[in-house]
PDB file of N, CA and C in Angstrom:
ATOM      1  N   MET A   1     -35.593 -79.474  -4.235  1.00  0.00           N
ATOM      2  CA  MET A   1     -36.023 -80.062  -3.366  1.00  0.00           C
ATOM      3  C   MET A   1     -37.293 -80.715  -3.327  1.00  0.00           C
ATOM      4  N   LYS A   2     -36.683 -81.993  -1.729  1.00  0.00           N
ATOM      5  CA  LYS A   2     -38.180 -82.899  -1.932  1.00  0.00           C
ATOM      6  C   LYS A   2     -38.720 -82.989  -0.908  1.00  0.00           C
ATOM      7  N   ILE A   3     -39.550 -83.995  -0.335  1.00  0.00           N
ATOM      8  CA  ILE A   3     -40.539 -84.125   0.433  1.00  0.00           C
ATOM      9  C   ILE A   3     -40.269 -85.847   0.605  1.00  0.00           C
ATOM     10  N   LEU A   4     -39.283 -86.141   1.611  1.00  0.00           N
ATOM     11  CA  LEU A   4     -39.261 -87.598   2.039  1.00  0.00           C
ATOM     12  C   LEU A   4     -40.352 -87.901   2.988  1.00  0.00           C
ATOM     13  N   SER A   5     -41.385 -88.721   2.389  1.00  0.00           N
ATOM     14  CA  SER A   5     -42.039 -89.358   3.502  1.00  0.00           C
ATOM     15  C   SER A   5     -42.065 -90.851   3.858  1.00  0.00           C
ATOM     16  N   THR A   6     -41.947 -91.091   5.495  1.00  0.00           N
ATOM     17  CA  THR A   6     -42.227 -92.143   5.629  1.00  0.00           C
ATOM     18  C   THR A   6     -42.810 -92.625   7.081  1.00  0.00           C
ATOM     19  N   ARG A   7     -42.912 -93.366   7.518  1.00  0.00           N
ATOM     20  CA  ARG A   7     -44.068 -93.990   8.772  1.00  0.00           C
ATOM     21  C   ARG A   7     -43.109 -92.891   9.977  1.00  0.00           C
ATOM     22  N   ALA A   8     -42.083 -91.926   9.982  1.00  0.00           N
ATOM     23  CA  ALA A   8     -41.448 -91.635  11.039  1.00  0.00           C
ATOM     24  C   ALA A   8     -42.053 -89.958  10.712  1.00  0.00           C
ATOM     25  N   GLY A   9     -42.718 -89.489   9.470  1.00  0.00           N
ATOM     26  CA  GLY A   9     -43.036 -88.069   9.668  1.00  0.00           C
ATOM     27  C   GLY A   9     -41.930 -88.134   7.640  1.00  0.00           C
ATOM     28  N   SER A  10     -42.380 -86.761   7.430  1.00  0.00           N
ATOM     29  CA  SER A  10     -42.194 -86.062   6.319  1.00  0.00           C
ATOM     30  C   SER A  10     -40.838 -85.320   6.177  1.00  0.00           C
ATOM     31  N   PHE A  11     -40.003 -84.946   5.220  1.00  0.00           N
ATOM     32  CA  PHE A  11     -38.813 -84.044   5.421  1.00  0.00           C
ATOM     33  C   PHE A  11     -38.455 -84.041   4.701  1.00  0.00           C
ATOM     34  N   LEU A  12     -38.046 -82.447   4.569  1.00  0.00           N
ATOM     35  CA  LEU A  12     -37.486 -81.613   3.569  1.00  0.00           C
ATOM     36  C   LEU A  12     -36.147 -81.559   3.268  1.00  0.00           C
ATOM     37  N   THR A  13     -35.610 -82.593   2.199  1.00  0.00           N
ATOM     38  CA  THR A  13     -34.035 -82.786   1.536  1.00  0.00           C
ATOM     39  C   THR A  13     -33.640 -82.511   0.402  1.00  0.00           C
ATOM     40  N   GLY A  14     -33.114 -82.760   0.030  1.00  0.00           N
ATOM     41  CA  GLY A  14     -32.014 -82.360  -1.646  1.00  0.00           C
ATOM     42  C   GLY A  14     -32.702 -83.552  -2.464  1.00  0.00           C
ATOM     43  N   ASP A  15     -32.660 -83.201  -3.578  1.00  0.00           N
ATOM     44  CA  ASP A  15     -32.936 -84.197  -4.779  1.00  0.00           C
ATOM     45  C   ASP A  15     -31.991 -85.304  -4.583  1.00  0.00           C
ATOM     46  N   ASP A  16     -30.777 -84.843  -4.558  1.00  0.00           N
ATOM     47  CA  ASP A  16     -30.000 -86.403  -4.516  1.00  0.00           C
ATOM     48  C   ASP A  16     -30.122 -87.305  -3.382  1.00  0.00           C
ATOM     49  N   VAL A  17     -30.200 -86.308  -2.297  1.00  0.00           N
ATOM     50  CA  VAL A  17     -30.343 -86.973  -1.092  1.00  0.00           C
ATOM     51  C   VAL A  17     -32.008 -88.329  -1.317  1.00  0.00           C
ATOM     52  N   ALA A  18     -32.734 -87.407  -1.526  1.00  0.00           N
ATOM     53  CA  ALA A  18     -34.106 -88.181  -1.176  1.00  0.00           C
ATOM     54  C   ALA A  18     -33.730 -89.394  -2.660  1.00  0.00           C
ATOM     55  N   ASP A  19     -33.619 -89.128  -3.490  1.00  0.00           N
ATOM     56  CA  ASP A  19     -33.258 -90.140  -4.802  1.00  0.00           C
ATOM     57  C   ASP A  19     -32.116 -91.095  -4.500  1.00  0.00           C
ATOM     58  N   ALA A  20     -31.023 -90.772  -3.359  1.00  0.00           N
ATOM     59  CA  ALA A  20     -30.161 -91.902  -2.643  1.00  0.00           C
ATOM     60  C   ALA A  20     -31.131 -93.123  -2.218  1.00  0.00           C
ATOM     61  N   VAL A  21     -31.982 -92.158  -1.112  1.00  0.00           N
ATOM     62  CA  VAL A  21     -32.714 -93.395  -0.277  1.00  0.00           C
ATOM     63  C   VAL A  21     -33.657 -93.985  -1.014  1.00  0.00           C
ATOM     64  N   LEU A  22     -34.178 -93.719  -1.898  1.00  0.00           N
ATOM     65  CA  LEU A  22     -35.098 -94.240  -2.530  1.00  0.00           C
ATOM     66  C   LEU A  22     -34.465 -95.417  -3.500  1.00  0.00           C
ATOM     67  N   ASP A  23     -33.420 -94.954  -3.765  1.00  0.00           N
ATOM     68  CA  ASP A  23     -32.473 -96.208  -4.831  1.00  0.00           C
ATOM     69  C   ASP A  23     -31.977 -97.644  -3.477  1.00  0.00           C
ATOM     70  N   TYR A  24     -31.288 -97.087  -2.365  1.00  0.00           N
ATOM     71  CA  TYR A  24     -31.424 -98.029  -1.138  1.00  0.00           C
ATOM     72  C   TYR A  24     -32.900 -98.628  -0.603  1.00  0.00           C
ATOM     73  N   ASP A  25     -33.678 -97.918  -0.531  1.00  0.00           N
ATOM     74  CA  ASP A  25     -35.216 -98.783  -0.012  1.00  0.00           C
ATOM     75  C   ASP A  25     -35.197 -99.351  -1.430  1.00  0.00           C
ATOM     76  N   LEU A  26     -35.039 -99.400  -2.277  1.00  0.00           N
ATOM     77  CA  LEU A  26     -35.497-100.337  -2.972  1.00  0.00           C
ATOM     78  C   LEU A  26     -34.584-101.898  -3.284  1.00  0.00           C
ATOM     79  N   ALA A  27     -33.602-101.103  -3.043  1.00  0.00           N
ATOM     80  CA  ALA A  27     -32.736-102.329  -3.278  1.00  0.00           C
ATOM     81  C   ALA A  27     -32.778-103.529  -1.643  1.00  0.00           C
ATOM     82  N   LEU A  28     -32.733-102.400  -0.434  1.00  0.00           N
ATOM     83  CA  LEU A  28     -33.291-103.625   0.386  1.00  0.00           C
ATOM     84  C   LEU A  28     -34.452-104.462   0.496  1.00  0.00           C
ATOM     85  N   SER A  29     -35.549-103.806   0.163  1.00  0.00           N
ATOM     86  CA  SER A  29     -37.168-104.048  -0.647  1.00  0.00           C
ATOM     87  C   SER A  29     -36.864-105.384  -1.377  1.00  0.00           C
ATOM     88  N   ARG A  30     -36.122-105.203  -2.479  1.00  0.00           N
ATOM     89  CA  ARG A  30     -35.769-106.479  -3.062  1.00  0.00           C
ATOM     90  C   ARG A  30     -35.123-107.443  -2.285  1.00  0.00           C
ATOM     91  N   ARG A  31     -34.172-107.356  -1.437  1.00  0.00           N
ATOM     92  CA  ARG A  31     -34.017-108.336  -0.525  1.00  0.00           C
ATOM     93  C   ARG A  31     -34.414-108.915   0.441  1.00  0.00           C
ATOM     94  N   ARG A  32     -35.972-108.030   0.730  1.00  0.00           N
ATOM     95  CA  ARG A  32     -36.978-108.427   2.074  1.00  0.00           C
ATOM     96  C   ARG A  32     -35.719-108.107   3.448  1.00  0.00           C
ATOM     97  N   THR A  33     -35.122-106.823   3.358  1.00  0.00           N
ATOM     98  CA  THR A  33     -33.803-106.504   4.418  1.00  0.00           C
ATOM     99  C   THR A  33     -34.683-104.924   4.407  1.00  0.00           C
ATOM    100  N   VAL A  34     -34.324-104.621   5.748  1.00  0.00           N
ATOM    101  CA  VAL A  34     -34.624-103.328   6.142  1.00  0.00           C
ATOM    102  C   VAL A  34     -33.080-102.785   6.490  1.00  0.00           C
ATOM    103  N   ALA A  35     -33.339-101.259   7.215  1.00  0.00           N
ATOM    104  CA  ALA A  35     -31.969-100.477   7.046  1.00  0.00           C
ATOM    105  C   ALA A  35     -32.073 -99.578   8.381  1.00  0.00           C
ATOM    106  N   LEU A  36     -31.506 -99.209   9.109  1.00  0.00           N
ATOM    107  CA  LEU A  36     -31.905 -98.189   9.964  1.00  0.00           C
ATOM    108  C   LEU A  36     -30.637 -97.045   9.539  1.00  0.00           C
ATOM    109  N   VAL A  37     -31.357 -95.690   8.915  1.00  0.00           N
ATOM    110  CA  VAL A  37     -30.444 -94.377   8.104  1.00  0.00           C
ATOM    111  C   VAL A  37     -30.588 -93.458   8.687  1.00  0.00           C
ATOM    112  N   SER A  38     -29.453 -92.586   8.257  1.00  0.00           N
ATOM    113  CA  SER A  38     -29.803 -90.994   9.056  1.00  0.00           C
ATOM    114  C   SER A  38     -29.628 -90.376   7.451  1.00  0.00           C
ATOM    115  N   VAL A  39     -30.843 -89.181   7.787  1.00  0.00           N
ATOM    116  CA  VAL A  39     -30.884 -88.400   6.778  1.00  0.00           C
ATOM    117  C   VAL A  39     -31.225 -87.037   7.277  1.00  0.00           C
ATOM    118  N   PRO A  40     -30.129 -86.155   6.391  1.00  0.00           N
ATOM    119  CA  PRO A  40     -29.783 -84.532   6.576  1.00  0.00           C
ATOM    120  C   PRO A  40     -31.530 -84.048   5.682  1.00  0.00           C
ATOM    121  N   PHE A  41     -32.022 -83.242   7.028  1.00  0.00           N
ATOM    122  CA  PHE A  41     -33.584 -82.776   6.213  1.00  0.00           C
ATOM    123  C   PHE A  41     -33.503 -81.115   6.732  1.00  0.00           C
ATOM    124  N   LEU A  42     -33.973 -80.420   6.220  1.00  0.00           N
ATOM    125  CA  LEU A  42     -34.315 -78.863   6.451  1.00  0.00           C
ATOM    126  C   LEU A  42     -35.470 -78.581   7.391  1.00  0.00           C
ATOM    127  N   ASP A  43     -35.677 -77.537   8.592  1.00  0.00           N
ATOM    128  CA  ASP A  43     -36.764 -77.386   8.950  1.00  0.00           C
ATOM    129  C   ASP A  43     -36.979 -75.902   8.641  1.00  0.00           C
ATOM    130  N   HIS A  44     -37.166 -75.286   9.997  1.00  0.00           N
ATOM    131  CA  HIS A  44     -37.563 -73.892   9.666  1.00  0.00           C
ATOM    132  C   HIS A  44     -35.972 -73.225   9.407  1.00  0.00           C
ATOM    133  N   ALA A  45     -35.173 -73.203   9.692  1.00  0.00           N
ATOM    134  CA  ALA A  45     -34.084 -72.558   9.974  1.00  0.00           C
ATOM    135  C   ALA A  45     -32.982 -73.490  10.130  1.00  0.00           C
ATOM    136  N   HIS A  46     -32.745 -74.723  10.575  1.00  0.00           N
ATOM    137  CA  HIS A  46     -31.625 -75.760  10.297  1.00  0.00           C
ATOM    138  C   HIS A  46     -31.815 -76.717   9.353  1.00  0.00           C
ATOM    139  N   GLU A  47     -30.281 -76.828   9.421  1.00  0.00           N
ATOM    140  CA  GLU A  47     -30.280 -78.203   9.098  1.00  0.00           C
ATOM    141  C   GLU A  47     -30.069 -79.533  10.136  1.00  0.00           C
ATOM    142  N   ARG A  48     -31.031 -80.541   9.979  1.00  0.00           N
ATOM    143  CA  ARG A  48     -30.862 -81.605  10.830  1.00  0.00           C
ATOM    144  C   ARG A  48     -30.861 -83.005  10.462  1.00  0.00           C
ATOM    145  N   SER A  49     -31.372 -83.988  11.564  1.00  0.00           N
ATOM    146  CA  SER A  49     -31.014 -85.277  10.654  1.00  0.00           C
ATOM    147  C   SER A  49     -32.151 -86.293  11.299  1.00  0.00           C
ATOM    148  N   ALA A  50     -32.536 -87.079  10.635  1.00  0.00           N
ATOM    149  CA  ALA A  50     -33.669 -87.929  10.998  1.00  0.00           C
ATOM    150  C   ALA A  50     -33.310 -89.277  10.947  1.00  0.00           C
ATOM    151  N   GLN A  51     -33.649 -90.459  12.014  1.00  0.00           N
ATOM    152  CA  GLN A  51     -33.443 -91.314  11.527  1.00  0.00           C
ATOM    153  C   GLN A  51     -34.536 -92.457  11.468  1.00  0.00           C
ATOM    154  N   PHE A  52     -34.488 -93.130  10.380  1.00  0.00           N
ATOM    155  CA  PHE A  52     -35.584 -94.402  10.350  1.00  0.00           C
ATOM    156  C   PHE A  52     -35.668 -95.283   9.289  1.00  0.00           C
ATOM    157  N   VAL A  53     -36.190 -96.600   9.758  1.00  0.00           N
ATOM    158  CA  VAL A  53     -36.062 -97.579   8.869  1.00  0.00           C
ATOM    159  C   VAL A  53     -36.506 -97.364   7.371  1.00  0.00           C
ATOM    160  N   ILE A  54     -36.011 -98.036   6.375  1.00  0.00           N
ATOM    161  CA  ILE A  54     -36.004 -98.074   5.157  1.00  0.00           C
ATOM    162  C   ILE A  54     -36.277 -99.266   4.840  1.00  0.00           C
ATOM    163  N   GLY A  55     -36.352 -99.938   3.600  1.00  0.00           N
ATOM    164  CA  GLY A  55     -36.458-100.989   3.115  1.00  0.00           C
ATOM    165  C   GLY A  55     -37.726-101.919   2.700  1.00  0.00           C
ATOM    166  N   TRP A  56     -38.135-103.065   3.351  1.00  0.00           N
ATOM    167  CA  TRP A  56     -38.415-104.271   2.828  1.00  0.00           C
ATOM    168  C   TRP A  56     -40.180-103.470   3.604  1.00  0.00           C
ATOM    169  N   ASN A  57     -41.205-103.549   3.390  1.00  0.00           N
ATOM    170  CA  ASN A  57     -42.635-103.051   3.988  1.00  0.00           C
ATOM    171  C   ASN A  57     -42.391-101.240   4.620  1.00  0.00           C
ATOM    172  N   ALA A  58     -41.396-100.681   4.748  1.00  0.00           N
ATOM    173  CA  ALA A  58     -41.452 -99.619   4.798  1.00  0.00           C
ATOM    174  C   ALA A  58     -41.726 -97.938   4.528  1.00  0.00           C
ATOM    175  N   ASN A  59     -42.582 -98.169   3.365  1.00  0.00           N
ATOM    176  CA  ASN A  59     -43.396 -97.529   3.000  1.00  0.00           C
ATOM    177  C   ASN A  59     -42.556 -95.968   2.872  1.00  0.00           C
ATOM    178  N   VAL A  60     -41.823 -95.803   2.309  1.00  0.00           N
ATOM    179  CA  VAL A  60     -41.029 -94.710   1.657  1.00  0.00           C
ATOM    180  C   VAL A  60     -41.287 -94.206   0.450  1.00  0.00           C
ATOM    181  N   SER A  61     -41.268 -92.691  -0.060  1.00  0.00           N
ATOM    182  CA  SER A  61     -41.472 -92.120  -0.572  1.00  0.00           C
ATOM    183  C   SER A  61     -41.287 -90.875  -0.781  1.00  0.00           C
ATOM    184  N   ALA A  62     -41.271 -90.013  -2.437  1.00  0.00           N
ATOM    185  CA  ALA A  62     -40.854 -88.945  -1.862  1.00  0.00           C
ATOM    186  C   ALA A  62     -41.234 -88.224  -3.634  1.00  0.00           C
ATOM    187  N   VAL A  63     -41.796 -86.483  -3.236  1.00  0.00           N
ATOM    188  CA  VAL A  63     -42.348 -85.964  -3.850  1.00  0.00           C
ATOM    189  C   VAL A  63     -41.539 -84.624  -4.188  1.00  0.00           C
ATOM    190  N   SER A  64     -41.358 -84.452  -5.009  1.00  0.00           N
ATOM    191  CA  SER A  64     -40.781 -82.998  -5.552  1.00  0.00           C
ATOM    192  C   SER A  64     -41.306 -81.700  -4.582  1.00  0.00           C
ATOM    193  N   HIS A  65     -40.552 -80.893  -4.342  1.00  0.00           N
ATOM    194  CA  HIS A  65     -41.543 -79.844  -3.713  1.00  0.00           C
ATOM    195  C   HIS A  65     -40.545 -78.465  -4.846  1.00  0.00           C
ATOM    196  N   GLU A  66     -41.181 -78.083  -5.467  1.00  0.00           N
ATOM    197  CA  GLU A  66     -40.444 -76.762  -5.896  1.00  0.00           C
ATOM    198  C   GLU A  66     -41.058 -75.392  -5.415  1.00  0.00           C
ATOM    199  N   GLU A  67     -41.781 -75.363  -4.383  1.00  0.00           N
ATOM    200  CA  GLU A  67     -42.064 -73.769  -3.940  1.00  0.00           C
ATOM    201  C   GLU A  67     -41.341 -73.561  -2.509  1.00  0.00           C
ATOM    202  N   PHE A  68     -40.409 -74.500  -2.200  1.00  0.00           N
ATOM    203  CA  PHE A  68     -40.078 -73.969  -1.274  1.00  0.00           C
ATOM    204  C   PHE A  68     -38.137 -73.330  -1.747  1.00  0.00           C
ATOM    205  N   ASP A  69     -38.143 -71.521  -1.091  1.00  0.00           N
ATOM    206  CA  ASP A  69     -37.214 -71.011  -1.681  1.00  0.00           C
ATOM    207  C   ASP A  69     -35.972 -70.616  -0.617  1.00  0.00           C
ATOM    208  N   ARG A  70     -35.211 -71.676  -0.760  1.00  0.00           N
ATOM    209  CA  ARG A  70     -33.990 -71.962   0.459  1.00  0.00           C
ATOM    210  C   ARG A  70     -32.990 -72.525  -0.654  1.00  0.00           C
ATOM    211  N   ASP A  71     -31.886 -72.881  -0.401  1.00  0.00           N
ATOM    212  CA  ASP A  71     -30.956 -73.381  -1.605  1.00  0.00           C
ATOM    213  C   ASP A  71     -30.911 -74.776  -0.861  1.00  0.00           C
ATOM    214  N   GLU A  72     -30.916 -75.511  -2.526  1.00  0.00           N
ATOM    215  CA  GLU A  72     -30.925 -77.459  -1.831  1.00  0.00           C
ATOM    216  C   GLU A  72     -30.086 -77.474  -1.058  1.00  0.00           C
ATOM    217  N   LEU A  73     -30.450 -78.931  -0.225  1.00  0.00           N
ATOM    218  CA  LEU A  73     -29.356 -79.434   0.449  1.00  0.00           C
ATOM    219  C   LEU A  73     -28.737 -80.233  -0.120  1.00  0.00           C
ATOM    220  N   HIS A  74     -27.264 -80.112   0.055  1.00  0.00           N
ATOM    221  CA  HIS A  74     -26.797 -81.027  -0.599  1.00  0.00           C
ATOM    222  C   HIS A  74     -25.593 -81.650   0.656  1.00  0.00           C
ATOM    223  N   ALA A  75     -25.791 -83.088   0.517  1.00  0.00           N
ATOM    224  CA  ALA A  75     -25.217 -83.909   1.074  1.00  0.00           C
ATOM    225  C   ALA A  75     -24.429 -85.255   0.370  1.00  0.00           C
ATOM    226  N   PRO A  76     -23.333 -84.855  -0.304  1.00  0.00           N
ATOM    227  CA  PRO A  76     -22.552 -85.471  -1.497  1.00  0.00           C
ATOM    228  C   PRO A  76     -21.755 -86.892  -0.414  1.00  0.00           C
ATOM    229  N   ASP A  77     -21.187 -86.498   0.700  1.00  0.00           N
ATOM    230  CA  ASP A  77     -21.188 -87.893   1.518  1.00  0.00           C
ATOM    231  C   ASP A  77     -22.298 -88.770   1.579  1.00  0.00           C
ATOM    232  N   THR A  78     -23.258 -88.496   2.121  1.00  0.00           N
ATOM    233  CA  THR A  78     -24.543 -89.308   2.524  1.00  0.00           C
ATOM    234  C   THR A  78     -25.088 -89.658   1.086  1.00  0.00           C
ATOM    235  N   VAL A  79     -25.137 -88.926  -0.084  1.00  0.00           N
ATOM    236  CA  VAL A  79     -25.868 -90.045  -1.253  1.00  0.00           C
ATOM    237  C   VAL A  79     -24.874 -90.398  -1.729  1.00  0.00           C
ATOM    238  N   SER A  80     -23.113 -90.635  -1.963  1.00  0.00           N
ATOM    239  CA  SER A  80     -22.539 -91.452  -2.074  1.00  0.00           C
ATOM    240  C   SER A  80     -22.630 -92.993  -1.460  1.00  0.00           C
ATOM    241  N   ALA A  81     -23.207 -93.055   0.259  1.00  0.00           N
ATOM    242  CA  ALA A  81     -22.908 -94.131   0.852  1.00  0.00           C
ATOM    243  C   ALA A  81     -24.016 -94.778   0.895  1.00  0.00           C
ATOM    244  N   PHE A  82     -25.518 -94.118   0.303  1.00  0.00           N
ATOM    245  CA  PHE A  82     -26.592 -94.597   0.280  1.00  0.00           C
ATOM    246  C   PHE A  82     -26.452 -95.470  -0.980  1.00  0.00           C
ATOM    247  N   ARG A  83     -25.743 -95.020  -2.244  1.00  0.00           N
ATOM    248  CA  ARG A  83     -25.444 -95.338  -3.350  1.00  0.00           C
ATOM    249  C   ARG A  83     -24.682 -96.743  -3.337  1.00  0.00           C
ATOM    250  N   ALA A  84     -23.686 -96.655  -2.785  1.00  0.00           N
ATOM    251  CA  ALA A  84     -22.991 -97.426  -2.483  1.00  0.00           C
ATOM    252  C   ALA A  84     -23.443 -99.033  -1.878  1.00  0.00           C
ATOM    253  N   ARG A  85     -24.270 -98.478  -1.027  1.00  0.00           N
ATOM    254  CA  ARG A  85     -24.989 -99.642  -0.055  1.00  0.00           C
ATOM    255  C   ARG A  85     -25.811-100.118  -0.829  1.00  0.00           C
ATOM    256  N   ALA A  86     -26.512 -99.319  -1.833  1.00  0.00           N
ATOM    257  CA  ALA A  86     -27.504-100.196  -2.895  1.00  0.00           C
ATOM    258  C   ALA A  86     -26.601-101.082  -3.680  1.00  0.00           C
ATOM    259  N   ALA A  87     -25.699-100.762  -4.318  1.00  0.00           N
ATOM    260  CA  ALA A  87     -24.584-101.072  -5.117  1.00  0.00           C
ATOM    261  C   ALA A  87     -24.583-102.496  -4.489  1.00  0.00           C
ATOM    262  N   ALA A  88     -23.876-102.398  -3.567  1.00  0.00           N
ATOM    263  CA  ALA A  88     -23.470-103.636  -2.517  1.00  0.00           C
ATOM    264  C   ALA A  88     -24.524-104.338  -2.615  1.00  0.00           C
ATOM    265  N   LEU A  89     -25.572-104.712  -2.786  1.00  0.00           N
ATOM    266  CA  LEU A  89     -26.756-105.438  -2.743  1.00  0.00           C
ATOM    267  C   LEU A  89     -26.882-106.408  -3.745  1.00  0.00           C
ATOM    268  N   GLY A  90     -26.391-105.601  -4.604  1.00  0.00           N
ATOM    269  CA  GLY A  90     -25.896-105.995  -5.840  1.00  0.00           C
ATOM    270  C   GLY A  90     -27.503-106.803  -6.734  1.00  0.00           C
ATOM    271  N   PRO A  91     -27.668-107.225  -8.130  1.00  0.00           N
ATOM    272  CA  PRO A  91     -29.020-107.436  -8.681  1.00  0.00           C
ATOM    273  C   PRO A  91     -29.958-108.855  -7.905  1.00  0.00           C
ATOM    274  N   VAL A  92     -30.619-108.561  -8.105  1.00  0.00           N
ATOM    275  CA  VAL A  92     -32.228-109.213  -6.998  1.00  0.00           C
ATOM    276  C   VAL A  92     -31.955-110.989  -8.092  1.00  0.00           C
ATOM    277  N   HIS A  93     -32.352-111.679  -7.858  1.00  0.00           N
ATOM    278  CA  HIS A  93     -32.715-112.925  -8.799  1.00  0.00           C
ATOM    279  C   HIS A  93     -34.405-113.581  -7.906  1.00  0.00           C
ATOM    280  N   ALA A  94     -35.336-113.167  -8.010  1.00  0.00           N
ATOM    281  CA  ALA A  94     -36.553-113.405  -7.211  1.00  0.00           C
ATOM    282  C   ALA A  94     -36.550-115.206  -7.489  1.00  0.00           C
ATOM    283  N   GLU A  95     -37.435-115.438  -6.196  1.00  0.00           N
ATOM    284  CA  GLU A  95     -37.643-116.690  -6.357  1.00  0.00           C
ATOM    285  C   GLU A  95     -39.472-116.746  -6.135  1.00  0.00           C
ATOM    286  N   PRO A  96     -39.885-117.294  -6.450  1.00  0.00           N
ATOM    287  CA  PRO A  96     -41.216-117.925  -5.992  1.00  0.00           C
ATOM    288  C   PRO A  96     -41.964-118.125  -4.722  1.00  0.00           C
ATOM    289  N   PHE A  97     -42.755-117.706  -4.135  1.00  0.00           N
ATOM    290  CA  PHE A  97     -42.968-117.855  -3.115  1.00  0.00           C
ATOM    291  C   PHE A  97     -43.682-119.448  -2.590  1.00  0.00           C
ATOM    292  N   ASP A  98     -44.008-119.632  -3.853  1.00  0.00           N
ATOM    293  CA  ASP A  98     -44.968-121.278  -3.447  1.00  0.00           C
ATOM    294  C   ASP A  98     -44.800-121.612  -4.973  1.00  0.00           C
ATOM    295  N   ASP A  99     -45.713-123.157  -4.935  1.00  0.00           N
ATOM    296  CA  ASP A  99     -46.113-123.222  -6.115  1.00  0.00           C
ATOM    297  C   ASP A  99     -47.295-122.833  -7.070  1.00  0.00           C
ATOM    298  N   PHE A 100     -47.827-122.191  -6.954  1.00  0.00           N
ATOM    299  CA  PHE A 100     -48.779-121.257  -7.507  1.00  0.00           C
ATOM    300  C   PHE A 100     -48.504-119.917  -7.831  1.00  0.00           C
ATOM    301  N   ASP A 101     -47.233-119.669  -7.439  1.00  0.00           N
ATOM    302  CA  ASP A 101     -46.590-118.664  -8.222  1.00  0.00           C
ATOM    303  C   ASP A 101     -46.052-118.810  -9.605  1.00  0.00           C
ATOM    304  N   LEU A 102     -45.373-120.346  -9.523  1.00  0.00           N
ATOM    305  CA  LEU A 102     -45.166-121.170 -10.658  1.00  0.00           C
ATOM    306  C   LEU A 102     -46.248-120.953 -11.852  1.00  0.00           C
ATOM    307  N   ILE A 103     -47.538-121.432 -11.163  1.00  0.00           N
ATOM    308  CA  ILE A 103     -48.100-122.038 -12.363  1.00  0.00           C
ATOM    309  C   ILE A 103     -48.605-120.817 -12.861  1.00  0.00           C
ATOM    310  N   VAL A 104     -48.710-119.829 -12.485  1.00  0.00           N
ATOM    311  CA  VAL A 104     -49.854-118.648 -12.602  1.00  0.00           C
ATOM    312  C   VAL A 104     -48.591-117.734 -13.696  1.00  0.00           C
ATOM    313  N   GLY A 105     -47.566-117.850 -13.430  1.00  0.00           N
ATOM    314  CA  GLY A 105     -46.219-117.338 -14.044  1.00  0.00           C
ATOM    315  C   GLY A 105     -46.442-115.877 -14.253  1.00  0.00           C
ATOM    316  N   THR A 106     -46.732-114.953 -12.855  1.00  0.00           N
ATOM    317  CA  THR A 106     -46.565-113.815 -13.128  1.00  0.00           C
ATOM    318  C   THR A 106     -45.835-113.393 -12.271  1.00  0.00           C
ATOM    319  N   TRP A 107     -44.798-114.044 -11.295  1.00  0.00           N
ATOM    320  CA  TRP A 107     -43.585-113.739 -10.916  1.00  0.00           C
ATOM    321  C   TRP A 107     -42.580-112.607 -11.319  1.00  0.00           C
ATOM    322  N   PRO A 108     -42.194-111.896 -11.078  1.00  0.00           N
ATOM    323  CA  PRO A 108     -41.246-110.834 -11.689  1.00  0.00           C
ATOM    324  C   PRO A 108     -40.319-111.454 -11.484  1.00  0.00           C
ATOM    325  N   THR A 109     -38.853-111.648 -12.296  1.00  0.00           N
ATOM    326  CA  THR A 109     -37.181-111.527 -12.100  1.00  0.00           C
ATOM    327  C   THR A 109     -36.247-110.254 -11.868  1.00  0.00           C
ATOM    328  N   TYR A 110     -35.503-110.075 -11.417  1.00  0.00           N
ATOM    329  CA  TYR A 110     -35.164-109.131 -11.362  1.00  0.00           C
ATOM    330  C   TYR A 110     -33.606-108.848 -11.527  1.00  0.00           C
ATOM    331  N   GLU A 111     -32.776-108.315 -12.570  1.00  0.00           N
ATOM    332  CA  GLU A 111     -31.488-108.544 -12.786  1.00  0.00           C
ATOM    333  C   GLU A 111     -31.043-107.312 -12.712  1.00  0.00           C
TER     334      GLU A 111
END
C-alpha cells in the first residue's frame, strides 16, 4: 500500500494505483497541463474515491506504507486507464523557455 499525497489531502491506495497516478502526473507535467482524476482509496472501513488535480505544478507524491494490515487495494481498470492516458500523451521534446536556456545549455530533453 502507498499513501498518495496531493494538495487535496493524503489517501491510502494500492501500489499499482499510486504508481499509475504518478506516471500520468509526470506525463501531464511534461506537457505543462493538468487533469482532474478520480482515485480509489481506503479509509477506516470502506473503499472510497477522491477527485483531485494532477499534472503541471500539482505536487503529487507517494510513500510506501507497509504497516497497514489490510489487503492491497486493486483497481485494474483505473490503473489501465491512467497508464493508457499517460502513453497517449507520447514522448515530450522539450524546448527552451528563452535564449538564456540555450546559452546555459542545461535544458533537458525528454524522449
